[in-house]
Amino acid sequence: MGRVQDAGIRLAEPRDAFAVAALTLQDDRECGAVAEPGFLDRYADAWLADRARVTFVAEAADGRPLGMVTAAVMTALPSSRRPAYRWLHVSLLFVTADARGVGLGGRLLGTLQQWCMDNGVNRVQLIAAPEARTLYERAGFLPPADDRLEWQVPEDRD
């Protein structure tokens, strides 16, 4: 496991599009989803086109992708009551099964948090799977304020 602990973490580049897509596909499969034909191409194309996203990849010394964290950068327009600000919505934090348990997920989160501090991002939000809550809590994530509400489009609408 020594090589996993020494994994490098860097900001993803366009050349990483298929690695990011493959990591996403691995996560989907672990969650029971079945990928439709052409998924890797569609995901890679969408990821490349999304300019309001930040993604970090973790890789072994041989270049094999071991994990990633990807987040959408959201920007609030200025108001007379508050300045404009930016926040992130993490859409996926994933570490391959063979690289889990040595702190790589925490390192990915820490890298993302440092990027936020360096780039004027005020907060990070996410939806945590129950089995991942302790990882996020160790990284300083807390439940949001009680005044937040959410609406979702009903699934059974016609």
C-alpha atoms as a PDB file:
ATOM      1  CA  MET A   1       0.000   0.000   0.000  1.00  0.00           C
ATOM      2  CA  GLY A   2       2.999   2.330   0.197  1.00  0.00           C
ATOM      3  CA  ARG A   3       2.567   3.450  -3.381  1.00  0.00           C
ATOM      4  CA  VAL A   4      -1.066   4.418  -2.739  1.00  0.00           C
ATOM      5  CA  GLN A   5      -0.065   6.532   0.250  1.00  0.00           C
ATOM      6  CA  ASP A   6       2.418   8.351  -1.992  1.00  0.00           C
ATOM      7  CA  ALA A   7      -0.172   9.042  -4.685  1.00  0.00           C
ATOM      8  CA  GLY A   8       0.088  12.422  -6.327  1.00  0.00           C
ATOM      9  CA  ILE A   9      -2.903  14.750  -6.452  1.00  0.00           C
ATOM     10  CA  ARG A  10      -3.205  17.387  -9.128  1.00  0.00           C
ATOM     11  CA  LEU A  11      -5.732  19.559 -10.906  1.00  0.00           C
ATOM     12  CA  ALA A  12      -7.238  17.568 -13.750  1.00  0.00           C
ATOM     13  CA  GLU A  13      -6.399  18.612 -17.294  1.00  0.00           C
ATOM     14  CA  PRO A  14      -8.207  17.964 -20.588  1.00  0.00           C
ATOM     15  CA  ARG A  15      -6.037  14.880 -21.133  1.00  0.00           C
ATOM     16  CA  ASP A  16      -7.685  13.385 -18.006  1.00  0.00           C
ATOM     17  CA  ALA A  17     -11.214  13.391 -19.440  1.00  0.00           C
ATOM     18  CA  PHE A  18     -11.394   9.633 -19.995  1.00  0.00           C
ATOM     19  CA  ALA A  19      -9.759   8.840 -16.638  1.00  0.00           C
ATOM     20  CA  VAL A  20     -12.343  11.027 -14.884  1.00  0.00           C
ATOM     21  CA  ALA A  21     -15.098   9.336 -16.905  1.00  0.00           C
ATOM     22  CA  ALA A  22     -13.746   5.877 -16.019  1.00  0.00           C
ATOM     23  CA  LEU A  23     -13.585   6.724 -12.303  1.00  0.00           C
ATOM     24  CA  THR A  24     -17.163   8.001 -12.469  1.00  0.00           C
ATOM     25  CA  LEU A  25     -18.209   4.787 -14.197  1.00  0.00           C
ATOM     26  CA  GLN A  26     -16.523   2.726 -11.451  1.00  0.00           C
ATOM     27  CA  ASP A  27     -18.483   4.661  -8.820  1.00  0.00           C
ATOM     28  CA  ASP A  28     -21.718   4.186 -10.766  1.00  0.00           C
ATOM     29  CA  ARG A  29     -21.119   0.443 -11.008  1.00  0.00           C
ATOM     30  CA  GLU A  30     -20.363   0.172  -7.285  1.00  0.00           C
ATOM     31  CA  CYS A  31     -23.719   1.874  -6.683  1.00  0.00           C
ATOM     32  CA  GLY A  32     -25.484  -0.701  -8.867  1.00  0.00           C
ATOM     33  CA  ALA A  33     -25.913   1.319 -12.053  1.00  0.00           C
ATOM     34  CA  VAL A  34     -25.459  -0.177 -15.492  1.00  0.00           C
ATOM     35  CA  ALA A  35     -23.717   2.081 -17.985  1.00  0.00           C
ATOM     36  CA  GLU A  36     -25.299   2.512 -21.358  1.00  0.00           C
ATOM     37  CA  PRO A  37     -23.168   2.230 -24.515  1.00  0.00           C
ATOM     38  CA  GLY A  38     -21.141   5.362 -25.196  1.00  0.00           C
ATOM     39  CA  PHE A  39     -21.137   6.545 -21.575  1.00  0.00           C
ATOM     40  CA  LEU A  40     -17.392   7.219 -21.427  1.00  0.00           C
ATOM     41  CA  ASP A  41     -17.470   9.396 -24.547  1.00  0.00           C
ATOM     42  CA  ARG A  42     -20.582  11.317 -23.430  1.00  0.00           C
ATOM     43  CA  TYR A  43     -19.181  11.906 -19.962  1.00  0.00           C
ATOM     44  CA  ALA A  44     -15.750  12.965 -21.231  1.00  0.00           C
ATOM     45  CA  ASP A  45     -17.332  15.391 -23.714  1.00  0.00           C
ATOM     46  CA  ALA A  46     -19.618  16.897 -21.049  1.00  0.00           C
ATOM     47  CA  TRP A  47     -16.761  17.188 -18.544  1.00  0.00           C
ATOM     48  CA  LEU A  48     -14.550  18.932 -21.106  1.00  0.00           C
ATOM     49  CA  ALA A  49     -17.345  21.379 -21.973  1.00  0.00           C
ATOM     50  CA  ASP A  50     -18.081  22.261 -18.337  1.00  0.00           C
ATOM     51  CA  ARG A  51     -15.948  25.333 -17.646  1.00  0.00           C
ATOM     52  CA  ALA A  52     -17.554  25.935 -14.228  1.00  0.00           C
ATOM     53  CA  ARG A  53     -16.067  22.795 -12.657  1.00  0.00           C
ATOM     54  CA  VAL A  54     -12.944  21.977 -10.719  1.00  0.00           C
ATOM     55  CA  THR A  55     -11.630  18.413 -10.604  1.00  0.00           C
ATOM     56  CA  PHE A  56      -8.632  16.940  -8.856  1.00  0.00           C
ATOM     57  CA  VAL A  57      -7.273  13.488  -9.680  1.00  0.00           C
ATOM     58  CA  ALA A  58      -5.129  11.221  -7.546  1.00  0.00           C
ATOM     59  CA  GLU A  59      -2.757   8.948  -9.376  1.00  0.00           C
ATOM     60  CA  ALA A  60      -0.145   6.331  -8.627  1.00  0.00           C
ATOM     61  CA  ALA A  61       3.473   6.893  -9.628  1.00  0.00           C
ATOM     62  CA  ASP A  62       2.807   4.897 -12.804  1.00  0.00           C
ATOM     63  CA  GLY A  63      -0.020   7.279 -13.762  1.00  0.00           C
ATOM     64  CA  ARG A  64      -2.880   4.931 -12.874  1.00  0.00           C
ATOM     65  CA  PRO A  65      -5.879   6.947 -11.625  1.00  0.00           C
ATOM     66  CA  LEU A  66      -6.723   6.110  -8.022  1.00  0.00           C
ATOM     67  CA  GLY A  67      -9.410   8.653  -7.259  1.00  0.00           C
ATOM     68  CA  MET A  68     -10.942  12.027  -7.897  1.00  0.00           C
ATOM     69  CA  VAL A  69     -13.060  14.804  -6.499  1.00  0.00           C
ATOM     70  CA  THR A  70     -15.107  16.987  -8.808  1.00  0.00           C
ATOM     71  CA  ALA A  71     -17.248  20.006  -7.987  1.00  0.00           C
ATOM     72  CA  ALA A  72     -19.326  22.596  -9.788  1.00  0.00           C
ATOM     73  CA  VAL A  73     -18.311  26.189  -9.132  1.00  0.00           C
ATOM     74  CA  MET A  74     -21.395  28.272  -8.348  1.00  0.00           C
ATOM     75  CA  THR A  75     -21.369  32.080  -8.344  1.00  0.00           C
ATOM     76  CA  ALA A  76     -23.916  34.276  -6.589  1.00  0.00           C
ATOM     77  CA  LEU A  77     -24.552  37.549  -8.350  1.00  0.00           C
ATOM     78  CA  PRO A  78     -23.836  40.711  -6.380  1.00  0.00           C
ATOM     79  CA  SER A  79     -26.548  42.210  -4.231  1.00  0.00           C
ATOM     80  CA  SER A  80     -26.853  45.488  -2.353  1.00  0.00           C
ATOM     81  CA  ARG A  81     -27.106  43.337   0.810  1.00  0.00           C
ATOM     82  CA  ARG A  82     -23.969  41.219   0.264  1.00  0.00           C
ATOM     83  CA  PRO A  83     -20.966  40.941  -2.023  1.00  0.00           C
ATOM     84  CA  ALA A  84     -20.789  38.411  -4.822  1.00  0.00           C
ATOM     85  CA  TYR A  85     -19.415  35.094  -3.673  1.00  0.00           C
ATOM     86  CA  ARG A  86     -18.574  31.636  -4.982  1.00  0.00           C
ATOM     87  CA  TRP A  87     -19.186  28.201  -3.570  1.00  0.00           C
ATOM     88  CA  LEU A  88     -18.686  24.632  -4.706  1.00  0.00           C
ATOM     89  CA  HIS A  89     -21.102  21.750  -4.954  1.00  0.00           C
ATOM     90  CA  VAL A  90     -19.163  18.476  -4.813  1.00  0.00           C
ATOM     91  CA  SER A  91     -20.754  16.023  -7.199  1.00  0.00           C
ATOM     92  CA  LEU A  92     -18.363  13.126  -6.636  1.00  0.00           C
ATOM     93  CA  LEU A  93     -15.525  12.042  -4.392  1.00  0.00           C
ATOM     94  CA  PHE A  94     -14.350   8.578  -5.397  1.00  0.00           C
ATOM     95  CA  VAL A  95     -11.351   6.411  -4.547  1.00  0.00           C
ATOM     96  CA  THR A  96     -10.768   3.051  -6.204  1.00  0.00           C
ATOM     97  CA  ALA A  97     -11.317   0.011  -3.989  1.00  0.00           C
ATOM     98  CA  ASP A  98      -7.612  -0.880  -3.925  1.00  0.00           C
ATOM     99  CA  ALA A  99      -6.659   2.619  -2.734  1.00  0.00           C
ATOM    100  CA  ARG A 100      -9.151   3.006   0.116  1.00  0.00           C
ATOM    101  CA  GLY A 101      -8.312   3.113   3.782  1.00  0.00           C
ATOM    102  CA  VAL A 102      -5.042   5.043   3.630  1.00  0.00           C
ATOM    103  CA  GLY A 103      -6.375   8.620   3.678  1.00  0.00           C
ATOM    104  CA  LEU A 104      -6.554   9.342  -0.035  1.00  0.00           C
ATOM    105  CA  GLY A 105     -10.167  10.581   0.168  1.00  0.00           C
ATOM    106  CA  GLY A 106      -9.190  12.984   2.942  1.00  0.00           C
ATOM    107  CA  ARG A 107      -6.200  14.190   0.938  1.00  0.00           C
ATOM    108  CA  LEU A 108      -8.448  14.837  -2.085  1.00  0.00           C
ATOM    109  CA  LEU A 109     -10.845  16.838   0.107  1.00  0.00           C
ATOM    110  CA  GLY A 110      -7.955  18.753   1.662  1.00  0.00           C
ATOM    111  CA  THR A 111      -6.625  19.641  -1.791  1.00  0.00           C
ATOM    112  CA  LEU A 112     -10.075  20.876  -2.814  1.00  0.00           C
ATOM    113  CA  GLN A 113     -10.397  22.896   0.396  1.00  0.00           C
ATOM    114  CA  GLN A 114      -7.000  24.521  -0.187  1.00  0.00           C
ATOM    115  CA  TRP A 115      -8.042  25.362  -3.757  1.00  0.00           C
ATOM    116  CA  CYS A 116     -11.140  27.058  -2.329  1.00  0.00           C
ATOM    117  CA  MET A 117      -9.078  29.188   0.037  1.00  0.00           C
ATOM    118  CA  ASP A 118      -6.718  30.153  -2.796  1.00  0.00           C
ATOM    119  CA  ASN A 119      -9.518  30.970  -5.250  1.00  0.00           C
ATOM    120  CA  GLY A 120     -12.065  33.016  -3.315  1.00  0.00           C
ATOM    121  CA  VAL A 121     -14.566  30.227  -2.731  1.00  0.00           C
ATOM    122  CA  ASN A 122     -16.571  30.766   0.452  1.00  0.00           C
ATOM    123  CA  ARG A 123     -18.092  27.342   1.083  1.00  0.00           C
ATOM    124  CA  VAL A 124     -18.399  23.779  -0.151  1.00  0.00           C
ATOM    125  CA  GLN A 125     -21.619  21.809  -0.084  1.00  0.00           C
ATOM    126  CA  LEU A 126     -22.375  18.186  -0.851  1.00  0.00           C
ATOM    127  CA  ILE A 127     -24.797  15.369  -0.236  1.00  0.00           C
ATOM    128  CA  ALA A 128     -23.034  12.722   1.827  1.00  0.00           C
ATOM    129  CA  ALA A 129     -23.799   9.039   1.610  1.00  0.00           C
ATOM    130  CA  PRO A 130     -24.271   7.707   5.150  1.00  0.00           C
ATOM    131  CA  GLU A 131     -21.124   5.556   4.917  1.00  0.00           C
ATOM    132  CA  ALA A 132     -19.038   8.621   3.967  1.00  0.00           C
ATOM    133  CA  ARG A 133     -20.253  11.048   6.636  1.00  0.00           C
ATOM    134  CA  THR A 134     -17.326  10.460   9.001  1.00  0.00           C
ATOM    135  CA  LEU A 135     -14.839  11.218   6.213  1.00  0.00           C
ATOM    136  CA  TYR A 136     -16.522  14.572   5.569  1.00  0.00           C
ATOM    137  CA  GLU A 137     -16.886  15.340   9.275  1.00  0.00           C
ATOM    138  CA  ARG A 138     -13.141  14.716   9.790  1.00  0.00           C
ATOM    139  CA  ALA A 139     -12.546  17.254   7.004  1.00  0.00           C
ATOM    140  CA  GLY A 140     -14.640  19.849   8.858  1.00  0.00           C
ATOM    141  CA  PHE A 141     -17.984  19.491   7.081  1.00  0.00           C
ATOM    142  CA  LEU A 142     -21.043  20.220   9.218  1.00  0.00           C
ATOM    143  CA  PRO A 143     -24.793  20.096   8.568  1.00  0.00           C
ATOM    144  CA  PRO A 144     -26.011  23.307   6.878  1.00  0.00           C
ATOM    145  CA  ALA A 145     -27.960  26.003   8.656  1.00  0.00           C
ATOM    146  CA  ASP A 146     -31.533  25.186   9.593  1.00  0.00           C
ATOM    147  CA  ASP A 147     -32.907  27.880   7.298  1.00  0.00           C
ATOM    148  CA  ARG A 148     -32.034  26.069   4.061  1.00  0.00           C
ATOM    149  CA  LEU A 149     -34.864  24.560   2.060  1.00  0.00           C
ATOM    150  CA  GLU A 150     -34.878  22.526  -1.118  1.00  0.00           C
ATOM    151  CA  TRP A 151     -37.448  21.718  -3.801  1.00  0.00           C
ATOM    152  CA  GLN A 152     -37.214  18.841  -6.236  1.00  0.00           C
ATOM    153  CA  VAL A 153     -39.208  18.248  -9.389  1.00  0.00           C
ATOM    154  CA  PRO A 154     -41.610  15.353  -8.743  1.00  0.00           C
ATOM    155  CA  GLU A 155     -40.537  12.158 -10.475  1.00  0.00           C
ATOM    156  CA  ASP A 156     -44.102  11.174 -11.405  1.00  0.00           C
ATOM    157  CA  ARG A 157     -45.040  14.348 -13.291  1.00  0.00           C
ATOM    158  CA  ASP A 158     -46.632  14.045 -16.723  1.00  0.00           C
END
